[in-house]
PDB file of N, CA and C in Angstrom:
ATOM      1  N   PHE A   1       0.653  -1.255  -0.060  1.00  0.00           N
ATOM      2  CA  PHE A   1       0.045  -0.329   0.089  1.00  0.00           C
ATOM      3  C   PHE A   1       0.898   1.224   0.150  1.00  0.00           C
ATOM      4  N   LEU A   2       1.638   1.244   0.872  1.00  0.00           N
ATOM      5  CA  LEU A   2       2.723   2.156   1.002  1.00  0.00           C
ATOM      6  C   LEU A   2       3.492   2.683  -0.248  1.00  0.00           C
ATOM      7  N   GLY A   3       4.052   1.491  -0.757  1.00  0.00           N
ATOM      8  CA  GLY A   3       5.042   1.664  -2.225  1.00  0.00           C
ATOM      9  C   GLY A   3       4.303   2.027  -3.187  1.00  0.00           C
ATOM     10  N   LEU A   4       2.718   1.717  -3.244  1.00  0.00           N
ATOM     11  CA  LEU A   4       1.972   1.822  -4.329  1.00  0.00           C
ATOM     12  C   LEU A   4       1.465   3.491  -4.407  1.00  0.00           C
ATOM     13  N   ILE A   5       1.401   3.948  -3.068  1.00  0.00           N
ATOM     14  CA  ILE A   5       1.019   5.196  -2.765  1.00  0.00           C
ATOM     15  C   ILE A   5       2.237   6.252  -3.509  1.00  0.00           C
ATOM     16  N   ILE A   6       3.417   5.807  -2.976  1.00  0.00           N
ATOM     17  CA  ILE A   6       4.603   6.627  -3.387  1.00  0.00           C
ATOM     18  C   ILE A   6       4.902   6.706  -4.805  1.00  0.00           C
ATOM     19  N   TYR A   7       4.588   5.282  -5.621  1.00  0.00           N
ATOM     20  CA  TYR A   7       4.842   5.048  -6.831  1.00  0.00           C
ATOM     21  C   TYR A   7       3.781   5.922  -7.613  1.00  0.00           C
ATOM     22  N   ALA A   8       2.519   5.884  -7.208  1.00  0.00           N
ATOM     23  CA  ALA A   8       1.531   6.570  -8.001  1.00  0.00           C
ATOM     24  C   ALA A   8       1.631   8.075  -7.855  1.00  0.00           C
ATOM     25  N   VAL A   9       2.011   8.767  -6.708  1.00  0.00           N
ATOM     26  CA  VAL A   9       1.889  10.276  -6.463  1.00  0.00           C
ATOM     27  C   VAL A   9       3.056  10.817  -7.306  1.00  0.00           C
ATOM     28  N   ASN A  10       4.274  10.123  -7.198  1.00  0.00           N
ATOM     29  CA  ASN A  10       5.664  10.487  -7.842  1.00  0.00           C
ATOM     30  C   ASN A  10       5.374  10.292  -9.140  1.00  0.00           C
ATOM     31  N   SER A  11       4.870   9.424  -9.752  1.00  0.00           N
ATOM     32  CA  SER A  11       4.591   9.429 -11.069  1.00  0.00           C
ATOM     33  C   SER A  11       3.666  10.295 -11.677  1.00  0.00           C
ATOM     34  N   LEU A  12       2.550  10.838 -10.873  1.00  0.00           N
ATOM     35  CA  LEU A  12       1.819  11.868 -11.342  1.00  0.00           C
ATOM     36  C   LEU A  12       2.521  13.192 -11.177  1.00  0.00           C
ATOM     37  N   THR A  13       3.267  13.553 -10.178  1.00  0.00           N
ATOM     38  CA  THR A  13       3.952  14.873  -9.949  1.00  0.00           C
ATOM     39  C   THR A  13       5.255  14.711 -10.731  1.00  0.00           C
ATOM     40  N   GLY A  14       5.877  13.835 -10.865  1.00  0.00           N
ATOM     41  CA  GLY A  14       7.191  14.044 -11.528  1.00  0.00           C
ATOM     42  C   GLY A  14       8.295  13.931 -10.733  1.00  0.00           C
ATOM     43  N   GLY A  15       8.059  14.028  -9.379  1.00  0.00           N
ATOM     44  CA  GLY A  15       9.151  14.251  -8.229  1.00  0.00           C
ATOM     45  C   GLY A  15       9.236  12.997  -7.520  1.00  0.00           C
ATOM     46  N   ARG A  16      10.011  13.428  -6.451  1.00  0.00           N
ATOM     47  CA  ARG A  16      10.242  12.272  -5.517  1.00  0.00           C
ATOM     48  C   ARG A  16      10.000  12.382  -4.224  1.00  0.00           C
ATOM     49  N   SER A  17       9.512  13.617  -3.731  1.00  0.00           N
ATOM     50  CA  SER A  17       9.295  13.803  -2.455  1.00  0.00           C
ATOM     51  C   SER A  17       7.709  14.069  -2.053  1.00  0.00           C
ATOM     52  N   LEU A  18       6.949  14.370  -2.960  1.00  0.00           N
ATOM     53  CA  LEU A  18       5.275  14.165  -2.606  1.00  0.00           C
ATOM     54  C   LEU A  18       4.840  12.817  -2.218  1.00  0.00           C
ATOM     55  N   GLY A  19       5.182  11.847  -2.953  1.00  0.00           N
ATOM     56  CA  GLY A  19       4.612  10.634  -2.440  1.00  0.00           C
ATOM     57  C   GLY A  19       5.186  10.152  -1.055  1.00  0.00           C
ATOM     58  N   ILE A  20       6.635  10.291  -0.918  1.00  0.00           N
ATOM     59  CA  ILE A  20       7.017   9.833   0.443  1.00  0.00           C
ATOM     60  C   ILE A  20       6.525  10.874   1.721  1.00  0.00           C
ATOM     61  N   ILE A  21       6.178  12.138   1.516  1.00  0.00           N
ATOM     62  CA  ILE A  21       5.446  12.706   2.461  1.00  0.00           C
ATOM     63  C   ILE A  21       4.029  12.359   2.661  1.00  0.00           C
ATOM     64  N   LEU A  22       3.227  11.805   1.737  1.00  0.00           N
ATOM     65  CA  LEU A  22       2.240  11.446   1.894  1.00  0.00           C
ATOM     66  C   LEU A  22       2.031  10.183   2.466  1.00  0.00           C
ATOM     67  N   ALA A  23       2.873   9.267   2.115  1.00  0.00           N
ATOM     68  CA  ALA A  23       3.042   7.940   2.456  1.00  0.00           C
ATOM     69  C   ALA A  23       3.513   8.000   4.357  1.00  0.00           C
ATOM     70  N   SER A  24       4.290   8.890   4.484  1.00  0.00           N
ATOM     71  CA  SER A  24       4.902   9.129   5.826  1.00  0.00           C
ATOM     72  C   SER A  24       3.513   9.638   6.718  1.00  0.00           C
ATOM     73  N   SER A  25       2.551  10.231   6.104  1.00  0.00           N
ATOM     74  CA  SER A  25       1.603  10.957   6.889  1.00  0.00           C
ATOM     75  C   SER A  25       0.641   9.682   7.268  1.00  0.00           C
ATOM     76  N   PHE A  26       0.376   8.676   6.436  1.00  0.00           N
ATOM     77  CA  PHE A  26      -0.228   7.418   6.697  1.00  0.00           C
ATOM     78  C   PHE A  26       0.294   6.877   7.800  1.00  0.00           C
ATOM     79  N   VAL A  27       1.602   6.747   8.071  1.00  0.00           N
ATOM     80  CA  VAL A  27       2.411   6.045   9.068  1.00  0.00           C
ATOM     81  C   VAL A  27       2.146   6.835  10.552  1.00  0.00           C
ATOM     82  N   VAL A  28       2.211   8.144  10.373  1.00  0.00           N
ATOM     83  CA  VAL A  28       1.761   9.265  11.699  1.00  0.00           C
ATOM     84  C   VAL A  28       0.438   8.950  11.777  1.00  0.00           C
ATOM     85  N   LEU A  29      -0.312   8.886  10.884  1.00  0.00           N
ATOM     86  CA  LEU A  29      -1.994   8.592  11.225  1.00  0.00           C
ATOM     87  C   LEU A  29      -2.167   7.478  11.933  1.00  0.00           C
ATOM     88  N   ASP A  30      -1.360   6.467  11.922  1.00  0.00           N
ATOM     89  CA  ASP A  30      -1.311   5.218  12.497  1.00  0.00           C
ATOM     90  C   ASP A  30      -1.399   5.301  14.180  1.00  0.00           C
ATOM     91  N   SER A  31      -0.209   6.098  14.744  1.00  0.00           N
ATOM     92  CA  SER A  31      -0.265   6.496  15.874  1.00  0.00           C
ATOM     93  C   SER A  31      -1.494   7.401  16.368  1.00  0.00           C
ATOM     94  N   ALA A  32      -2.180   8.139  15.585  1.00  0.00           N
ATOM     95  CA  ALA A  32      -3.380   8.643  16.049  1.00  0.00           C
ATOM     96  C   ALA A  32      -4.278   7.768  16.014  1.00  0.00           C
ATOM     97  N   ALA A  33      -4.617   6.862  15.492  1.00  0.00           N
ATOM     98  CA  ALA A  33      -5.557   5.468  15.578  1.00  0.00           C
ATOM     99  C   ALA A  33      -5.788   5.030  17.046  1.00  0.00           C
ATOM    100  N   GLY A  34      -4.778   5.098  17.551  1.00  0.00           N
ATOM    101  CA  GLY A  34      -4.608   4.494  19.017  1.00  0.00           C
ATOM    102  C   GLY A  34      -5.514   5.344  20.050  1.00  0.00           C
ATOM    103  N   MET A  35      -5.390   6.872  19.524  1.00  0.00           N
ATOM    104  CA  MET A  35      -6.025   7.673  20.459  1.00  0.00           C
ATOM    105  C   MET A  35      -7.317   8.031  20.386  1.00  0.00           C
ATOM    106  N   TYR A  36      -7.647   7.833  18.952  1.00  0.00           N
ATOM    107  CA  TYR A  36      -8.969   8.526  18.605  1.00  0.00           C
ATOM    108  C   TYR A  36      -9.614   7.355  17.474  1.00  0.00           C
ATOM    109  N   HIS A  37     -10.615   6.680  17.802  1.00  0.00           N
ATOM    110  CA  HIS A  37     -11.027   5.780  17.162  1.00  0.00           C
ATOM    111  C   HIS A  37     -11.564   6.052  15.930  1.00  0.00           C
ATOM    112  N   SER A  38     -12.126   7.115  15.532  1.00  0.00           N
ATOM    113  CA  SER A  38     -12.651   7.754  14.346  1.00  0.00           C
ATOM    114  C   SER A  38     -11.568   7.778  13.463  1.00  0.00           C
ATOM    115  N   THR A  39     -10.084   7.891  13.688  1.00  0.00           N
ATOM    116  CA  THR A  39      -9.191   7.856  12.824  1.00  0.00           C
ATOM    117  C   THR A  39      -8.549   6.621  12.219  1.00  0.00           C
ATOM    118  N   ALA A  40      -8.876   5.346  12.905  1.00  0.00           N
ATOM    119  CA  ALA A  40      -8.782   4.438  12.396  1.00  0.00           C
ATOM    120  C   ALA A  40      -9.616   3.907  10.963  1.00  0.00           C
ATOM    121  N   TYR A  41     -10.889   4.600  10.918  1.00  0.00           N
ATOM    122  CA  TYR A  41     -11.272   4.368   9.595  1.00  0.00           C
ATOM    123  C   TYR A  41     -10.602   5.083   8.452  1.00  0.00           C
ATOM    124  N   LEU A  42      -9.619   5.798   9.017  1.00  0.00           N
ATOM    125  CA  LEU A  42      -9.085   6.475   7.837  1.00  0.00           C
ATOM    126  C   LEU A  42      -7.444   6.282   7.517  1.00  0.00           C
ATOM    127  N   SER A  43      -7.200   5.124   8.386  1.00  0.00           N
ATOM    128  CA  SER A  43      -5.603   4.801   8.242  1.00  0.00           C
ATOM    129  C   SER A  43      -5.579   3.510   8.154  1.00  0.00           C
ATOM    130  N   PRO A  44      -5.249   3.113   6.650  1.00  0.00           N
ATOM    131  CA  PRO A  44      -4.831   1.800   6.033  1.00  0.00           C
ATOM    132  C   PRO A  44      -3.714   1.095   7.198  1.00  0.00           C
ATOM    133  N   VAL A  45      -2.807   1.929   7.402  1.00  0.00           N
ATOM    134  CA  VAL A  45      -1.762   1.366   8.007  1.00  0.00           C
ATOM    135  C   VAL A  45      -1.938   0.540   9.354  1.00  0.00           C
ATOM    136  N   SER A  46      -3.046   1.240  10.104  1.00  0.00           N
ATOM    137  CA  SER A  46      -3.551   0.681  11.161  1.00  0.00           C
ATOM    138  C   SER A  46      -4.568  -0.606  11.005  1.00  0.00           C
ATOM    139  N   TRP A  47      -4.644  -0.725   9.848  1.00  0.00           N
ATOM    140  CA  TRP A  47      -5.588  -1.962   9.693  1.00  0.00           C
ATOM    141  C   TRP A  47      -5.101  -3.328   9.675  1.00  0.00           C
ATOM    142  N   SER A  48      -3.466  -3.130   9.558  1.00  0.00           N
ATOM    143  CA  SER A  48      -2.558  -4.364   9.869  1.00  0.00           C
ATOM    144  C   SER A  48      -2.539  -4.764  11.387  1.00  0.00           C
ATOM    145  N   ASN A  49      -2.952  -4.098  12.105  1.00  0.00           N
ATOM    146  CA  ASN A  49      -2.892  -4.300  13.299  1.00  0.00           C
ATOM    147  C   ASN A  49      -4.190  -4.826  13.733  1.00  0.00           C
ATOM    148  N   LEU A  50      -4.321  -6.201  14.540  1.00  0.00           N
ATOM    149  CA  LEU A  50      -5.510  -6.690  14.978  1.00  0.00           C
ATOM    150  C   LEU A  50      -6.225  -5.864  16.214  1.00  0.00           C
ATOM    151  N   ASP A  51      -5.325  -5.084  16.902  1.00  0.00           N
ATOM    152  CA  ASP A  51      -5.981  -4.450  17.888  1.00  0.00           C
ATOM    153  C   ASP A  51      -7.090  -3.229  17.302  1.00  0.00           C
ATOM    154  N   TYR A  52      -6.743  -2.945  16.252  1.00  0.00           N
ATOM    155  CA  TYR A  52      -7.448  -1.843  15.478  1.00  0.00           C
ATOM    156  C   TYR A  52      -8.836  -2.154  14.420  1.00  0.00           C
ATOM    157  N   ILE A  53      -8.999  -3.787  14.644  1.00  0.00           N
ATOM    158  CA  ILE A  53     -10.020  -4.054  13.875  1.00  0.00           C
ATOM    159  C   ILE A  53     -11.190  -4.712  14.830  1.00  0.00           C
ATOM    160  N   ASP A  54     -12.464  -4.502  14.464  1.00  0.00           N
ATOM    161  CA  ASP A  54     -13.476  -4.685  15.240  1.00  0.00           C
ATOM    162  C   ASP A  54     -13.959  -6.227  14.682  1.00  0.00           C
ATOM    163  N   ILE A  55     -13.443  -7.315  14.867  1.00  0.00           N
ATOM    164  CA  ILE A  55     -13.910  -8.509  14.365  1.00  0.00           C
ATOM    165  C   ILE A  55     -15.164  -9.029  14.986  1.00  0.00           C
ATOM    166  N   GLY A  56     -15.428  -8.725  16.100  1.00  0.00           N
ATOM    167  CA  GLY A  56     -16.742  -9.187  16.657  1.00  0.00           C
ATOM    168  C   GLY A  56     -18.075  -8.454  16.628  1.00  0.00           C
ATOM    169  N   GLY A  57     -17.690  -7.119  16.291  1.00  0.00           N
ATOM    170  CA  GLY A  57     -18.781  -5.988  16.369  1.00  0.00           C
ATOM    171  C   GLY A  57     -18.986  -5.534  17.727  1.00  0.00           C
ATOM    172  N   LEU A  58     -17.940  -5.270  18.300  1.00  0.00           N
ATOM    173  CA  LEU A  58     -18.056  -4.813  20.020  1.00  0.00           C
ATOM    174  C   LEU A  58     -17.485  -3.503  20.045  1.00  0.00           C
ATOM    175  N   SER A  59     -16.476  -2.978  19.080  1.00  0.00           N
ATOM    176  CA  SER A  59     -15.752  -1.721  19.236  1.00  0.00           C
ATOM    177  C   SER A  59     -16.098  -0.725  18.390  1.00  0.00           C
ATOM    178  N   ALA A  60     -15.602   0.469  18.450  1.00  0.00           N
ATOM    179  CA  ALA A  60     -15.859   1.352  17.728  1.00  0.00           C
ATOM    180  C   ALA A  60     -14.821   1.520  16.365  1.00  0.00           C
ATOM    181  N   TYR A  61     -13.744   0.459  16.210  1.00  0.00           N
ATOM    182  CA  TYR A  61     -13.001   0.389  15.026  1.00  0.00           C
ATOM    183  C   TYR A  61     -13.688  -0.137  14.026  1.00  0.00           C
ATOM    184  N   PRO A  62     -13.067  -0.197  12.772  1.00  0.00           N
ATOM    185  CA  PRO A  62     -13.449  -0.563  11.287  1.00  0.00           C
ATOM    186  C   PRO A  62     -13.639  -2.100  11.696  1.00  0.00           C
ATOM    187  N   SER A  63     -14.951  -2.757  10.912  1.00  0.00           N
ATOM    188  CA  SER A  63     -14.958  -3.945  10.494  1.00  0.00           C
ATOM    189  C   SER A  63     -13.961  -4.535   9.587  1.00  0.00           C
ATOM    190  N   ILE A  64     -13.900  -5.990   9.419  1.00  0.00           N
ATOM    191  CA  ILE A  64     -13.270  -6.764   8.621  1.00  0.00           C
ATOM    192  C   ILE A  64     -13.627  -6.528   7.144  1.00  0.00           C
ATOM    193  N   THR A  65     -15.180  -6.295   7.111  1.00  0.00           N
ATOM    194  CA  THR A  65     -15.473  -6.129   5.693  1.00  0.00           C
ATOM    195  C   THR A  65     -15.384  -4.687   5.214  1.00  0.00           C
ATOM    196  N   TYR A  66     -15.360  -4.002   6.035  1.00  0.00           N
ATOM    197  CA  TYR A  66     -15.047  -2.494   5.628  1.00  0.00           C
ATOM    198  C   TYR A  66     -13.397  -2.392   5.134  1.00  0.00           C
ATOM    199  N   ILE A  67     -12.624  -2.903   6.219  1.00  0.00           N
ATOM    200  CA  ILE A  67     -11.114  -2.989   5.629  1.00  0.00           C
ATOM    201  C   ILE A  67     -10.841  -3.528   4.352  1.00  0.00           C
ATOM    202  N   PHE A  68     -11.530  -4.911   4.104  1.00  0.00           N
ATOM    203  CA  PHE A  68     -11.203  -5.444   2.656  1.00  0.00           C
ATOM    204  C   PHE A  68     -11.919  -4.600   1.624  1.00  0.00           C
ATOM    205  N   CYS A  69     -12.994  -4.146   1.717  1.00  0.00           N
ATOM    206  CA  CYS A  69     -13.575  -3.501   0.525  1.00  0.00           C
ATOM    207  C   CYS A  69     -13.014  -1.906   0.319  1.00  0.00           C
ATOM    208  N   ALA A  70     -12.461  -1.487   1.452  1.00  0.00           N
ATOM    209  CA  ALA A  70     -11.707  -0.124   1.541  1.00  0.00           C
ATOM    210  C   ALA A  70     -10.346  -0.388   0.705  1.00  0.00           C
ATOM    211  N   PHE A  71      -9.615  -1.409   1.203  1.00  0.00           N
ATOM    212  CA  PHE A  71      -8.404  -1.813   0.541  1.00  0.00           C
ATOM    213  C   PHE A  71      -8.524  -2.115  -0.933  1.00  0.00           C
ATOM    214  N   ALA A  72      -9.300  -3.001  -1.338  1.00  0.00           N
ATOM    215  CA  ALA A  72      -9.898  -3.102  -2.678  1.00  0.00           C
ATOM    216  C   ALA A  72     -10.006  -2.048  -3.531  1.00  0.00           C
ATOM    217  N   VAL A  73     -10.698  -1.224  -2.965  1.00  0.00           N
ATOM    218  CA  VAL A  73     -10.897   0.329  -3.825  1.00  0.00           C
ATOM    219  C   VAL A  73      -9.603   0.956  -4.023  1.00  0.00           C
ATOM    220  N   ILE A  74      -9.159   1.210  -2.744  1.00  0.00           N
ATOM    221  CA  ILE A  74      -7.735   1.915  -2.734  1.00  0.00           C
ATOM    222  C   ILE A  74      -6.928   1.346  -3.785  1.00  0.00           C
ATOM    223  N   LEU A  75      -6.535   0.339  -3.761  1.00  0.00           N
ATOM    224  CA  LEU A  75      -5.501  -0.380  -4.587  1.00  0.00           C
ATOM    225  C   LEU A  75      -5.908  -0.287  -6.021  1.00  0.00           C
ATOM    226  N   ILE A  76      -7.255  -0.327  -6.433  1.00  0.00           N
ATOM    227  CA  ILE A  76      -7.646  -0.173  -7.951  1.00  0.00           C
ATOM    228  C   ILE A  76      -7.561   0.877  -8.297  1.00  0.00           C
ATOM    229  N   VAL A  77      -7.914   2.131  -7.518  1.00  0.00           N
ATOM    230  CA  VAL A  77      -7.723   3.445  -7.736  1.00  0.00           C
ATOM    231  C   VAL A  77      -6.119   3.937  -7.903  1.00  0.00           C
ATOM    232  N   LEU A  78      -5.289   3.513  -6.949  1.00  0.00           N
ATOM    233  CA  LEU A  78      -3.847   3.543  -6.980  1.00  0.00           C
ATOM    234  C   LEU A  78      -3.230   2.967  -8.094  1.00  0.00           C
ATOM    235  N   ILE A  79      -3.543   1.609  -8.583  1.00  0.00           N
ATOM    236  CA  ILE A  79      -3.445   0.957  -9.720  1.00  0.00           C
ATOM    237  C   ILE A  79      -3.674   1.738 -11.025  1.00  0.00           C
ATOM    238  N   ALA A  80      -4.967   2.090 -11.145  1.00  0.00           N
ATOM    239  CA  ALA A  80      -5.534   2.786 -12.340  1.00  0.00           C
ATOM    240  C   ALA A  80      -4.554   4.322 -12.500  1.00  0.00           C
ATOM    241  N   ILE A  81      -4.442   4.889 -11.323  1.00  0.00           N
ATOM    242  CA  ILE A  81      -3.531   6.192 -11.347  1.00  0.00           C
ATOM    243  C   ILE A  81      -2.177   5.973 -11.884  1.00  0.00           C
ATOM    244  N   SER A  82      -1.625   4.903 -11.480  1.00  0.00           N
ATOM    245  CA  SER A  82      -0.155   4.587 -11.820  1.00  0.00           C
ATOM    246  C   SER A  82      -0.197   4.094 -13.367  1.00  0.00           C
ATOM    247  N   ILE A  83      -1.055   3.360 -13.796  1.00  0.00           N
ATOM    248  CA  ILE A  83      -1.037   2.920 -15.428  1.00  0.00           C
ATOM    249  C   ILE A  83      -1.359   4.263 -16.211  1.00  0.00           C
ATOM    250  N   ILE A  84      -2.284   5.221 -15.798  1.00  0.00           N
ATOM    251  CA  ILE A  84      -2.665   6.423 -16.507  1.00  0.00           C
ATOM    252  C   ILE A  84      -1.386   7.432 -16.255  1.00  0.00           C
ATOM    253  N   ALA A  85      -0.804   7.543 -15.169  1.00  0.00           N
ATOM    254  CA  ALA A  85       0.118   8.477 -15.445  1.00  0.00           C
ATOM    255  C   ALA A  85       1.384   7.988 -16.044  1.00  0.00           C
ATOM    256  N   ASN A  86       1.711   6.467 -15.967  1.00  0.00           N
ATOM    257  CA  ASN A  86       2.904   6.123 -16.772  1.00  0.00           C
ATOM    258  C   ASN A  86       2.669   5.862 -18.445  1.00  0.00           C
ATOM    259  N   LYS A  87       1.499   5.803 -18.692  1.00  0.00           N
ATOM    260  CA  LYS A  87       1.264   5.822 -20.356  1.00  0.00           C
ATOM    261  C   LYS A  87       1.906   7.128 -20.953  1.00  0.00           C
ATOM    262  N   LYS A  88       2.067   8.359 -20.229  1.00  0.00           N
ATOM    263  CA  LYS A  88       2.360   9.576 -20.731  1.00  0.00           C
ATOM    264  C   LYS A  88       4.139   9.612 -20.794  1.00  0.00           C
ATOM    265  N   GLN A  89       4.537   8.789 -19.923  1.00  0.00           N
ATOM    266  CA  GLN A  89       6.312   9.010 -19.553  1.00  0.00           C
ATOM    267  C   GLN A  89       6.711   8.264 -20.639  1.00  0.00           C
ATOM    268  N   VAL A  90       8.060   8.830 -20.668  1.00  0.00           N
ATOM    269  CA  VAL A  90       9.067   8.108 -21.634  1.00  0.00           C
ATOM    270  C   VAL A  90      10.110   7.389 -21.050  1.00  0.00           C
ATOM    271  N   ILE A  91      10.296   6.053 -20.657  1.00  0.00           N
ATOM    272  CA  ILE A  91      11.124   5.483 -20.119  1.00  0.00           C
ATOM    273  C   ILE A  91      12.628   5.514 -20.578  1.00  0.00           C
ATOM    274  N   SER A  92      13.671   6.030 -19.754  1.00  0.00           N
ATOM    275  CA  SER A  92      14.828   6.077 -20.346  1.00  0.00           C
ATOM    276  C   SER A  92      15.727   5.286 -19.702  1.00  0.00           C
ATOM    277  N   VAL A  93      16.531   4.474 -20.159  1.00  0.00           N
ATOM    278  CA  VAL A  93      17.279   3.602 -19.518  1.00  0.00           C
ATOM    279  C   VAL A  93      18.758   4.162 -19.607  1.00  0.00           C
ATOM    280  N   MET A  94      19.243   4.211 -18.173  1.00  0.00           N
ATOM    281  CA  MET A  94      20.610   4.757 -18.042  1.00  0.00           C
ATOM    282  C   MET A  94      21.544   3.491 -18.187  1.00  0.00           C
ATOM    283  N   GLN A  95      22.958   4.266 -18.613  1.00  0.00           N
ATOM    284  CA  GLN A  95      24.015   3.213 -18.730  1.00  0.00           C
ATOM    285  C   GLN A  95      24.468   2.674 -17.516  1.00  0.00           C
ATOM    286  N   PRO A  96      24.857   1.493 -17.502  1.00  0.00           N
ATOM    287  CA  PRO A  96      25.257   1.054 -16.256  1.00  0.00           C
ATOM    288  C   PRO A  96      26.945   1.509 -15.846  1.00  0.00           C
ATOM    289  N   ILE A  97      26.940   1.598 -14.583  1.00  0.00           N
ATOM    290  CA  ILE A  97      28.407   2.003 -14.103  1.00  0.00           C
ATOM    291  C   ILE A  97      29.421   1.481 -14.219  1.00  0.00           C
TER     292      ILE A  97
END
């Protein structure tokens, strides 16, 4: 997820820093998910921690169905962005050192 965000955003912008900043913000948002339950819905990084998943329907955290659907949509959108952004770019192969 984080690698795909970096790749898609950097492909769109043509730089290297904006994708890393956006991916880093998701990592920082993971620490906020522990304090504020509502941010767990917006933090895909925290979905890999079983403490932030509502499996039995007893907490304020996102359900496993929400997580699977959200991941599917996010990954499809990021892959589509990567494909569209890279159709316009020319790949230049650098000579080995």
